[in-house]
């Protein structure tokens, strides 16, 4: 086989793997959304039962939501880097 064909196949495999990796990274973004929804629901339920604790519950909920959201943002950044910057394409023979 010609080396240009082999290089084309190798690049196609790397790009295909990059797409699958980016998709897997975005699946990791589902967890923070589900977790934040669960946390906000529980916080609303607690505030409904004990209105005097709304300050502490709200503060703790916002800190937890921020930490949870950072994981989703990191997953999004990894997916963008894999898709558009593609650091693996230079490793092709």
PDB file of N, CA and C in Angstrom:
ATOM      1  N   UNK A   1       0.834  -1.185   0.000  1.00  0.00           N
ATOM      2  CA  UNK A   1       0.000   0.000   0.000  1.00  0.00           C
ATOM      3  C   UNK A   1       0.879   1.249   0.000  1.00  0.00           C
ATOM      4  N   UNK A   2       0.332   2.276  -0.542  1.00  0.00           N
ATOM      5  CA  UNK A   2       1.031   3.551  -0.603  1.00  0.00           C
ATOM      6  C   UNK A   2       1.048   4.184   0.795  1.00  0.00           C
ATOM      7  N   UNK A   3       2.123   4.896   1.118  1.00  0.00           N
ATOM      8  CA  UNK A   3       2.227   5.507   2.451  1.00  0.00           C
ATOM      9  C   UNK A   3       1.190   6.603   2.646  1.00  0.00           C
ATOM     10  N   UNK A   4       0.766   7.255   1.575  1.00  0.00           N
ATOM     11  CA  UNK A   4      -0.239   8.306   1.743  1.00  0.00           C
ATOM     12  C   UNK A   4      -1.590   7.700   2.142  1.00  0.00           C
ATOM     13  N   UNK A   5      -1.886   6.508   1.640  1.00  0.00           N
ATOM     14  CA  UNK A   5      -3.133   5.840   2.017  1.00  0.00           C
ATOM     15  C   UNK A   5      -3.075   5.411   3.476  1.00  0.00           C
ATOM     16  N   UNK A   6      -1.920   4.884   3.895  1.00  0.00           N
ATOM     17  CA  UNK A   6      -1.761   4.486   5.293  1.00  0.00           C
ATOM     18  C   UNK A   6      -1.863   5.695   6.223  1.00  0.00           C
ATOM     19  N   UNK A   7      -1.279   6.802   5.805  1.00  0.00           N
ATOM     20  CA  UNK A   7      -1.361   8.012   6.620  1.00  0.00           C
ATOM     21  C   UNK A   7      -2.805   8.508   6.696  1.00  0.00           C
ATOM     22  N   UNK A   8      -3.521   8.423   5.593  1.00  0.00           N
ATOM     23  CA  UNK A   8      -4.929   8.829   5.584  1.00  0.00           C
ATOM     24  C   UNK A   8      -5.750   7.959   6.530  1.00  0.00           C
ATOM     25  N   UNK A   9      -5.519   6.653   6.499  1.00  0.00           N
ATOM     26  CA  UNK A   9      -6.245   5.733   7.378  1.00  0.00           C
ATOM     27  C   UNK A   9      -5.892   6.000   8.839  1.00  0.00           C
ATOM     28  N   UNK A  10      -4.613   6.249   9.112  1.00  0.00           N
ATOM     29  CA  UNK A  10      -4.184   6.534  10.477  1.00  0.00           C
ATOM     30  C   UNK A  10      -4.824   7.823  10.983  1.00  0.00           C
ATOM     31  N   UNK A  11      -4.856   8.854  10.149  1.00  0.00           N
ATOM     32  CA  UNK A  11      -5.490  10.121  10.551  1.00  0.00           C
ATOM     33  C   UNK A  11      -6.985   9.922  10.789  1.00  0.00           C
ATOM     34  N   UNK A  12      -7.630   9.121   9.939  1.00  0.00           N
ATOM     35  CA  UNK A  12      -9.061   8.869  10.113  1.00  0.00           C
ATOM     36  C   UNK A  12      -9.325   8.134  11.426  1.00  0.00           C
ATOM     37  N   UNK A  13      -8.469   7.184  11.769  1.00  0.00           N
ATOM     38  CA  UNK A  13      -8.636   6.467  13.034  1.00  0.00           C
ATOM     39  C   UNK A  13      -8.436   7.390  14.232  1.00  0.00           C
ATOM     40  N   UNK A  14      -7.436   8.261  14.165  1.00  0.00           N
ATOM     41  CA  UNK A  14      -7.190   9.196  15.262  1.00  0.00           C
ATOM     42  C   UNK A  14      -8.362  10.164  15.406  1.00  0.00           C
ATOM     43  N   UNK A  15      -8.860  10.676  14.291  1.00  0.00           N
ATOM     44  CA  UNK A  15      -9.996  11.598  14.362  1.00  0.00           C
ATOM     45  C   UNK A  15     -11.260  10.897  14.853  1.00  0.00           C
ATOM     46  N   UNK A  16     -11.476   9.669  14.420  1.00  0.00           N
ATOM     47  CA  UNK A  16     -12.629   8.912  14.907  1.00  0.00           C
ATOM     48  C   UNK A  16     -12.530   8.634  16.399  1.00  0.00           C
ATOM     49  N   UNK A  17     -11.347   8.273  16.853  1.00  0.00           N
ATOM     50  CA  UNK A  17     -11.140   8.070  18.287  1.00  0.00           C
ATOM     51  C   UNK A  17     -11.319   9.357  19.077  1.00  0.00           C
ATOM     52  N   UNK A  18     -10.919  10.477  18.479  1.00  0.00           N
ATOM     53  CA  UNK A  18     -11.093  11.764  19.139  1.00  0.00           C
ATOM     54  C   UNK A  18     -12.571  12.104  19.304  1.00  0.00           C
ATOM     55  N   UNK A  19     -13.349  11.796  18.301  1.00  0.00           N
ATOM     56  CA  UNK A  19     -14.793  12.045  18.393  1.00  0.00           C
ATOM     57  C   UNK A  19     -15.413  11.186  19.490  1.00  0.00           C
ATOM     58  N   UNK A  20     -15.016   9.927  19.557  1.00  0.00           N
ATOM     59  CA  UNK A  20     -15.536   9.053  20.609  1.00  0.00           C
ATOM     60  C   UNK A  20     -15.097   9.524  21.996  1.00  0.00           C
ATOM     61  N   UNK A  21     -13.857   9.990  22.107  1.00  0.00           N
ATOM     62  CA  UNK A  21     -13.372  10.518  23.385  1.00  0.00           C
ATOM     63  C   UNK A  21     -14.115  11.774  23.802  1.00  0.00           C
ATOM     64  N   UNK A  22     -14.390  12.654  22.843  1.00  0.00           N
ATOM     65  CA  UNK A  22     -15.139  13.869  23.153  1.00  0.00           C
ATOM     66  C   UNK A  22     -16.566  13.521  23.578  1.00  0.00           C
ATOM     67  N   UNK A  23     -17.161  12.531  22.925  1.00  0.00           N
ATOM     68  CA  UNK A  23     -18.512  12.110  23.312  1.00  0.00           C
ATOM     69  C   UNK A  23     -18.515  11.531  24.728  1.00  0.00           C
ATOM     70  N   UNK A  24     -17.502  10.761  25.056  1.00  0.00           N
ATOM     71  CA  UNK A  24     -17.411  10.206  26.407  1.00  0.00           C
ATOM     72  C   UNK A  24     -17.217  11.308  27.443  1.00  0.00           C
ATOM     73  N   UNK A  25     -16.450  12.343  27.087  1.00  0.00           N
ATOM     74  CA  UNK A  25     -16.252  13.457  28.010  1.00  0.00           C
ATOM     75  C   UNK A  25     -17.560  14.209  28.236  1.00  0.00           C
ATOM     76  N   UNK A  26     -18.382  14.333  27.214  1.00  0.00           N
ATOM     77  CA  UNK A  26     -19.648  15.039  27.380  1.00  0.00           C
ATOM     78  C   UNK A  26     -20.662  14.219  28.162  1.00  0.00           C
ATOM     79  N   UNK A  27     -20.545  12.900  28.109  1.00  0.00           N
ATOM     80  CA  UNK A  27     -21.411  12.074  28.949  1.00  0.00           C
ATOM     81  C   UNK A  27     -21.093  12.337  30.417  1.00  0.00           C
ATOM     82  N   UNK A  28     -19.833  12.649  30.707  1.00  0.00           N
ATOM     83  CA  UNK A  28     -19.450  12.983  32.076  1.00  0.00           C
ATOM     84  C   UNK A  28     -20.118  14.277  32.538  1.00  0.00           C
ATOM     85  N   UNK A  29     -20.587  15.092  31.603  1.00  0.00           N
ATOM     86  CA  UNK A  29     -21.284  16.317  31.964  1.00  0.00           C
ATOM     87  C   UNK A  29     -22.719  16.088  32.421  1.00  0.00           C
ATOM     88  N   UNK A  30     -23.255  14.902  32.227  1.00  0.00           N
ATOM     89  CA  UNK A  30     -24.617  14.610  32.676  1.00  0.00           C
ATOM     90  C   UNK A  30     -24.712  14.488  34.196  1.00  0.00           C
ATOM     91  N   UNK A  31     -23.699  13.952  34.793  1.00  0.00           N
ATOM     92  CA  UNK A  31     -23.708  13.749  36.243  1.00  0.00           C
ATOM     93  C   UNK A  31     -23.888  15.026  37.042  1.00  0.00           C
ATOM     94  N   UNK A  32     -23.128  16.079  36.737  1.00  0.00           N
ATOM     95  CA  UNK A  32     -23.316  17.321  37.495  1.00  0.00           C
ATOM     96  C   UNK A  32     -24.716  17.906  37.366  1.00  0.00           C
ATOM     97  N   UNK A  33     -25.320  17.799  36.193  1.00  0.00           N
ATOM     98  CA  UNK A  33     -26.676  18.313  36.026  1.00  0.00           C
ATOM     99  C   UNK A  33     -27.679  17.563  36.876  1.00  0.00           C
ATOM    100  N   UNK A  34     -27.563  16.260  36.885  1.00  0.00           N
ATOM    101  CA  UNK A  34     -28.457  15.448  37.703  1.00  0.00           C
ATOM    102  C   UNK A  34     -28.214  15.719  39.188  1.00  0.00           C
ATOM    103  N   UNK A  35     -26.945  15.814  39.563  1.00  0.00           N
ATOM    104  CA  UNK A  35     -26.604  16.067  40.965  1.00  0.00           C
ATOM    105  C   UNK A  35     -27.085  17.426  41.447  1.00  0.00           C
ATOM    106  N   UNK A  36     -26.953  18.449  40.605  1.00  0.00           N
ATOM    107  CA  UNK A  36     -27.416  19.775  41.013  1.00  0.00           C
ATOM    108  C   UNK A  36     -28.932  19.812  41.139  1.00  0.00           C
ATOM    109  N   UNK A  37     -29.618  19.163  40.232  1.00  0.00           N
ATOM    110  CA  UNK A  37     -31.069  19.119  40.343  1.00  0.00           C
ATOM    111  C   UNK A  37     -31.521  18.426  41.611  1.00  0.00           C
ATOM    112  N   UNK A  38     -30.862  17.350  41.947  1.00  0.00           N
ATOM    113  CA  UNK A  38     -31.187  16.620  43.171  1.00  0.00           C
ATOM    114  C   UNK A  38     -30.911  17.484  44.402  1.00  0.00           C
ATOM    115  N   UNK A  39     -29.762  18.175  44.409  1.00  0.00           N
ATOM    116  CA  UNK A  39     -29.389  19.010  45.553  1.00  0.00           C
ATOM    117  C   UNK A  39     -30.359  20.176  45.729  1.00  0.00           C
ATOM    118  N   UNK A  40     -30.740  20.822  44.638  1.00  0.00           N
ATOM    119  CA  UNK A  40     -31.666  21.948  44.735  1.00  0.00           C
ATOM    120  C   UNK A  40     -33.037  21.471  45.210  1.00  0.00           C
ATOM    121  N   UNK A  41     -33.465  20.317  44.726  1.00  0.00           N
ATOM    122  CA  UNK A  41     -34.743  19.767  45.183  1.00  0.00           C
ATOM    123  C   UNK A  41     -34.742  19.482  46.674  1.00  0.00           C
ATOM    124  N   UNK A  42     -33.669  18.887  47.156  1.00  0.00           N
ATOM    125  CA  UNK A  42     -33.572  18.594  48.590  1.00  0.00           C
ATOM    126  C   UNK A  42     -33.475  19.871  49.408  1.00  0.00           C
ATOM    127  N   UNK A  43     -32.765  20.875  48.882  1.00  0.00           N
ATOM    128  CA  UNK A  43     -32.663  22.145  49.601  1.00  0.00           C
ATOM    129  C   UNK A  43     -34.026  22.821  49.691  1.00  0.00           C
ATOM    130  N   UNK A  44     -34.787  22.808  48.604  1.00  0.00           N
ATOM    131  CA  UNK A  44     -36.135  23.402  48.636  1.00  0.00           C
ATOM    132  C   UNK A  44     -37.031  22.662  49.615  1.00  0.00           C
ATOM    133  N   UNK A  45     -36.915  21.355  49.653  1.00  0.00           N
ATOM    134  CA  UNK A  45     -37.711  20.557  50.580  1.00  0.00           C
ATOM    135  C   UNK A  45     -37.347  20.893  52.031  1.00  0.00           C
ATOM    136  N   UNK A  46     -36.049  21.038  52.301  1.00  0.00           N
ATOM    137  CA  UNK A  46     -35.600  21.369  53.654  1.00  0.00           C
ATOM    138  C   UNK A  46     -36.047  22.768  54.051  1.00  0.00           C
ATOM    139  N   UNK A  47     -35.929  23.724  53.138  1.00  0.00           N
ATOM    140  CA  UNK A  47     -36.364  25.091  53.448  1.00  0.00           C
ATOM    141  C   UNK A  47     -37.870  25.122  53.676  1.00  0.00           C
ATOM    142  N   UNK A  48     -38.615  24.318  52.941  1.00  0.00           N
ATOM    143  CA  UNK A  48     -40.059  24.242  53.158  1.00  0.00           C
ATOM    144  C   UNK A  48     -40.418  23.700  54.527  1.00  0.00           C
ATOM    145  N   UNK A  49     -39.644  22.763  55.005  1.00  0.00           N
ATOM    146  CA  UNK A  49     -39.927  22.185  56.323  1.00  0.00           C
ATOM    147  C   UNK A  49     -39.401  23.059  57.461  1.00  0.00           C
ATOM    148  N   UNK A  50     -38.202  23.622  57.257  1.00  0.00           N
ATOM    149  CA  UNK A  50     -37.559  24.428  58.305  1.00  0.00           C
ATOM    150  C   UNK A  50     -37.160  25.779  57.722  1.00  0.00           C
ATOM    151  N   UNK A  51     -38.098  26.714  57.639  1.00  0.00           N
ATOM    152  CA  UNK A  51     -37.801  28.009  57.006  1.00  0.00           C
ATOM    153  C   UNK A  51     -36.709  28.809  57.722  1.00  0.00           C
ATOM    154  N   UNK A  52     -36.521  28.573  59.003  1.00  0.00           N
ATOM    155  CA  UNK A  52     -35.498  29.325  59.742  1.00  0.00           C
ATOM    156  C   UNK A  52     -34.079  28.943  59.334  1.00  0.00           C
ATOM    157  N   UNK A  53     -33.906  27.805  58.691  1.00  0.00           N
ATOM    158  CA  UNK A  53     -32.567  27.367  58.277  1.00  0.00           C
ATOM    159  C   UNK A  53     -32.264  27.714  56.819  1.00  0.00           C
ATOM    160  N   UNK A  54     -33.043  28.591  56.214  1.00  0.00           N
ATOM    161  CA  UNK A  54     -32.879  28.859  54.777  1.00  0.00           C
ATOM    162  C   UNK A  54     -31.520  29.468  54.439  1.00  0.00           C
ATOM    163  N   UNK A  55     -30.960  30.293  55.308  1.00  0.00           N
ATOM    164  CA  UNK A  55     -29.661  30.910  55.029  1.00  0.00           C
ATOM    165  C   UNK A  55     -28.537  29.885  54.920  1.00  0.00           C
ATOM    166  N   UNK A  56     -28.461  29.006  55.899  1.00  0.00           N
ATOM    167  CA  UNK A  56     -27.403  27.988  55.894  1.00  0.00           C
ATOM    168  C   UNK A  56     -27.596  26.988  54.754  1.00  0.00           C
ATOM    169  N   UNK A  57     -28.834  26.576  54.542  1.00  0.00           N
ATOM    170  CA  UNK A  57     -29.105  25.586  53.492  1.00  0.00           C
ATOM    171  C   UNK A  57     -28.790  26.177  52.119  1.00  0.00           C
ATOM    172  N   UNK A  58     -29.195  27.410  51.892  1.00  0.00           N
ATOM    173  CA  UNK A  58     -28.954  28.042  50.594  1.00  0.00           C
ATOM    174  C   UNK A  58     -27.462  28.213  50.333  1.00  0.00           C
ATOM    175  N   UNK A  59     -26.727  28.659  51.355  1.00  0.00           N
ATOM    176  CA  UNK A  59     -25.279  28.839  51.198  1.00  0.00           C
ATOM    177  C   UNK A  59     -24.592  27.514  50.885  1.00  0.00           C
ATOM    178  N   UNK A  60     -24.935  26.480  51.614  1.00  0.00           N
ATOM    179  CA  UNK A  60     -24.341  25.167  51.375  1.00  0.00           C
ATOM    180  C   UNK A  60     -24.724  24.621  50.005  1.00  0.00           C
ATOM    181  N   UNK A  61     -25.982  24.868  49.600  1.00  0.00           N
ATOM    182  CA  UNK A  61     -26.433  24.401  48.288  1.00  0.00           C
ATOM    183  C   UNK A  61     -25.658  25.087  47.167  1.00  0.00           C
ATOM    184  N   UNK A  62     -25.443  26.400  47.285  1.00  0.00           N
ATOM    185  CA  UNK A  62     -24.713  27.119  46.237  1.00  0.00           C
ATOM    186  C   UNK A  62     -23.256  26.666  46.151  1.00  0.00           C
ATOM    187  N   UNK A  63     -22.632  26.388  47.276  1.00  0.00           N
ATOM    188  CA  UNK A  63     -21.250  25.895  47.257  1.00  0.00           C
ATOM    189  C   UNK A  63     -21.194  24.526  46.582  1.00  0.00           C
ATOM    190  N   UNK A  64     -22.123  23.655  46.932  1.00  0.00           N
ATOM    191  CA  UNK A  64     -22.168  22.326  46.304  1.00  0.00           C
ATOM    192  C   UNK A  64     -22.467  22.406  44.822  1.00  0.00           C
ATOM    193  N   UNK A  65     -23.367  23.305  44.436  1.00  0.00           N
ATOM    194  CA  UNK A  65     -23.696  23.454  43.015  1.00  0.00           C
ATOM    195  C   UNK A  65     -22.498  23.987  42.235  1.00  0.00           C
ATOM    196  N   UNK A  66     -21.756  24.916  42.824  1.00  0.00           N
ATOM    197  CA  UNK A  66     -20.573  25.445  42.142  1.00  0.00           C
ATOM    198  C   UNK A  66     -19.511  24.365  41.957  1.00  0.00           C
ATOM    199  N   UNK A  67     -19.299  23.554  42.971  1.00  0.00           N
ATOM    200  CA  UNK A  67     -18.327  22.469  42.851  1.00  0.00           C
ATOM    201  C   UNK A  67     -18.782  21.435  41.825  1.00  0.00           C
ATOM    202  N   UNK A  68     -20.048  21.147  41.826  1.00  0.00           N
ATOM    203  CA  UNK A  68     -20.584  20.180  40.869  1.00  0.00           C
ATOM    204  C   UNK A  68     -20.499  20.721  39.443  1.00  0.00           C
ATOM    205  N   UNK A  69     -20.808  21.986  39.258  1.00  0.00           N
ATOM    206  CA  UNK A  69     -20.771  22.591  37.929  1.00  0.00           C
ATOM    207  C   UNK A  69     -19.348  22.646  37.375  1.00  0.00           C
ATOM    208  N   UNK A  70     -18.362  22.803  38.248  1.00  0.00           N
ATOM    209  CA  UNK A  70     -16.978  22.853  37.767  1.00  0.00           C
ATOM    210  C   UNK A  70     -16.589  21.544  37.080  1.00  0.00           C
ATOM    211  N   UNK A  71     -17.107  20.416  37.545  1.00  0.00           N
ATOM    212  CA  UNK A  71     -16.820  19.136  36.896  1.00  0.00           C
ATOM    213  C   UNK A  71     -17.415  19.090  35.501  1.00  0.00           C
ATOM    214  N   UNK A  72     -18.617  19.606  35.341  1.00  0.00           N
ATOM    215  CA  UNK A  72     -19.233  19.670  34.017  1.00  0.00           C
ATOM    216  C   UNK A  72     -18.471  20.588  33.075  1.00  0.00           C
ATOM    217  N   UNK A  73     -17.978  21.700  33.592  1.00  0.00           N
ATOM    218  CA  UNK A  73     -17.199  22.633  32.765  1.00  0.00           C
ATOM    219  C   UNK A  73     -15.879  21.993  32.349  1.00  0.00           C
ATOM    220  N   UNK A  74     -15.230  21.288  33.259  1.00  0.00           N
ATOM    221  CA  UNK A  74     -13.980  20.604  32.903  1.00  0.00           C
ATOM    222  C   UNK A  74     -14.219  19.559  31.819  1.00  0.00           C
ATOM    223  N   UNK A  75     -15.300  18.819  31.920  1.00  0.00           N
ATOM    224  CA  UNK A  75     -15.617  17.820  30.894  1.00  0.00           C
ATOM    225  C   UNK A  75     -15.860  18.494  29.547  1.00  0.00           C
ATOM    226  N   UNK A  76     -16.542  19.631  29.550  1.00  0.00           N
ATOM    227  CA  UNK A  76     -16.796  20.370  28.318  1.00  0.00           C
ATOM    228  C   UNK A  76     -15.496  20.875  27.701  1.00  0.00           C
ATOM    229  N   UNK A  77     -14.594  21.393  28.529  1.00  0.00           N
ATOM    230  CA  UNK A  77     -13.306  21.888  28.023  1.00  0.00           C
ATOM    231  C   UNK A  77     -12.488  20.751  27.426  1.00  0.00           C
ATOM    232  N   UNK A  78     -12.474  19.600  28.081  1.00  0.00           N
ATOM    233  CA  UNK A  78     -11.746  18.445  27.544  1.00  0.00           C
ATOM    234  C   UNK A  78     -12.320  18.031  26.199  1.00  0.00           C
ATOM    235  N   UNK A  79     -13.641  18.015  26.082  1.00  0.00           N
ATOM    236  CA  UNK A  79     -14.275  17.646  24.807  1.00  0.00           C
ATOM    237  C   UNK A  79     -13.913  18.638  23.708  1.00  0.00           C
ATOM    238  N   UNK A  80     -13.909  19.926  24.016  1.00  0.00           N
ATOM    239  CA  UNK A  80     -13.559  20.949  23.026  1.00  0.00           C
ATOM    240  C   UNK A  80     -12.102  20.809  22.601  1.00  0.00           C
ATOM    241  N   UNK A  81     -11.217  20.566  23.553  1.00  0.00           N
ATOM    242  CA  UNK A  81      -9.795  20.398  23.222  1.00  0.00           C
ATOM    243  C   UNK A  81      -9.596  19.180  22.340  1.00  0.00           C
ATOM    244  N   UNK A  82     -10.236  18.087  22.672  1.00  0.00           N
ATOM    245  CA  UNK A  82     -10.079  16.873  21.864  1.00  0.00           C
ATOM    246  C   UNK A  82     -10.630  17.072  20.458  1.00  0.00           C
ATOM    247  N   UNK A  83     -11.753  17.768  20.337  1.00  0.00           N
ATOM    248  CA  UNK A  83     -12.377  17.931  19.021  1.00  0.00           C
ATOM    249  C   UNK A  83     -11.633  18.926  18.125  1.00  0.00           C
ATOM    250  N   UNK A  84     -11.241  20.072  18.660  1.00  0.00           N
ATOM    251  CA  UNK A  84     -10.756  21.133  17.788  1.00  0.00           C
ATOM    252  C   UNK A  84      -9.246  21.343  17.825  1.00  0.00           C
ATOM    253  N   UNK A  85      -8.621  21.178  18.968  1.00  0.00           N
ATOM    254  CA  UNK A  85      -7.164  21.329  19.026  1.00  0.00           C
ATOM    255  C   UNK A  85      -6.492  20.015  18.638  1.00  0.00           C
ATOM    256  N   UNK A  86      -7.078  18.906  19.058  1.00  0.00           N
ATOM    257  CA  UNK A  86      -6.663  17.545  18.707  1.00  0.00           C
ATOM    258  C   UNK A  86      -5.160  17.321  18.860  1.00  0.00           C
ATOM    259  N   UNK A  87      -4.697  17.184  20.093  1.00  0.00           N
ATOM    260  CA  UNK A  87      -3.260  17.009  20.330  1.00  0.00           C
ATOM    261  C   UNK A  87      -2.715  15.667  19.836  1.00  0.00           C
ATOM    262  N   UNK A  88      -3.574  14.734  19.454  1.00  0.00           N
ATOM    263  CA  UNK A  88      -3.115  13.412  19.053  1.00  0.00           C
ATOM    264  C   UNK A  88      -2.814  13.300  17.568  1.00  0.00           C
ATOM    265  N   UNK A  89      -3.238  14.260  16.776  1.00  0.00           N
ATOM    266  CA  UNK A  89      -3.082  14.156  15.330  1.00  0.00           C
ATOM    267  C   UNK A  89      -1.609  14.259  14.907  1.00  0.00           C
ATOM    268  N   UNK A  90      -0.787  14.921  15.734  1.00  0.00           N
ATOM    269  CA  UNK A  90       0.634  15.050  15.416  1.00  0.00           C
ATOM    270  C   UNK A  90       1.395  13.749  15.655  1.00  0.00           C
ATOM    271  N   UNK A  91       0.806  12.815  16.359  1.00  0.00           N
ATOM    272  CA  UNK A  91       1.471  11.545  16.687  1.00  0.00           C
ATOM    273  C   UNK A  91       1.336  10.519  15.557  1.00  0.00           C
ATOM    274  N   UNK A  92       0.567  10.854  14.532  1.00  0.00           N
ATOM    275  CA  UNK A  92       0.370   9.931  13.410  1.00  0.00           C
ATOM    276  C   UNK A  92       1.653   9.825  12.617  1.00  0.00           C
ATOM    277  N   UNK A  93       1.990   8.629  12.224  1.00  0.00           N
ATOM    278  CA  UNK A  93       3.232   8.376  11.478  1.00  0.00           C
ATOM    279  C   UNK A  93       3.233   9.083  10.155  1.00  0.00           C
TER     280      UNK A  93
END
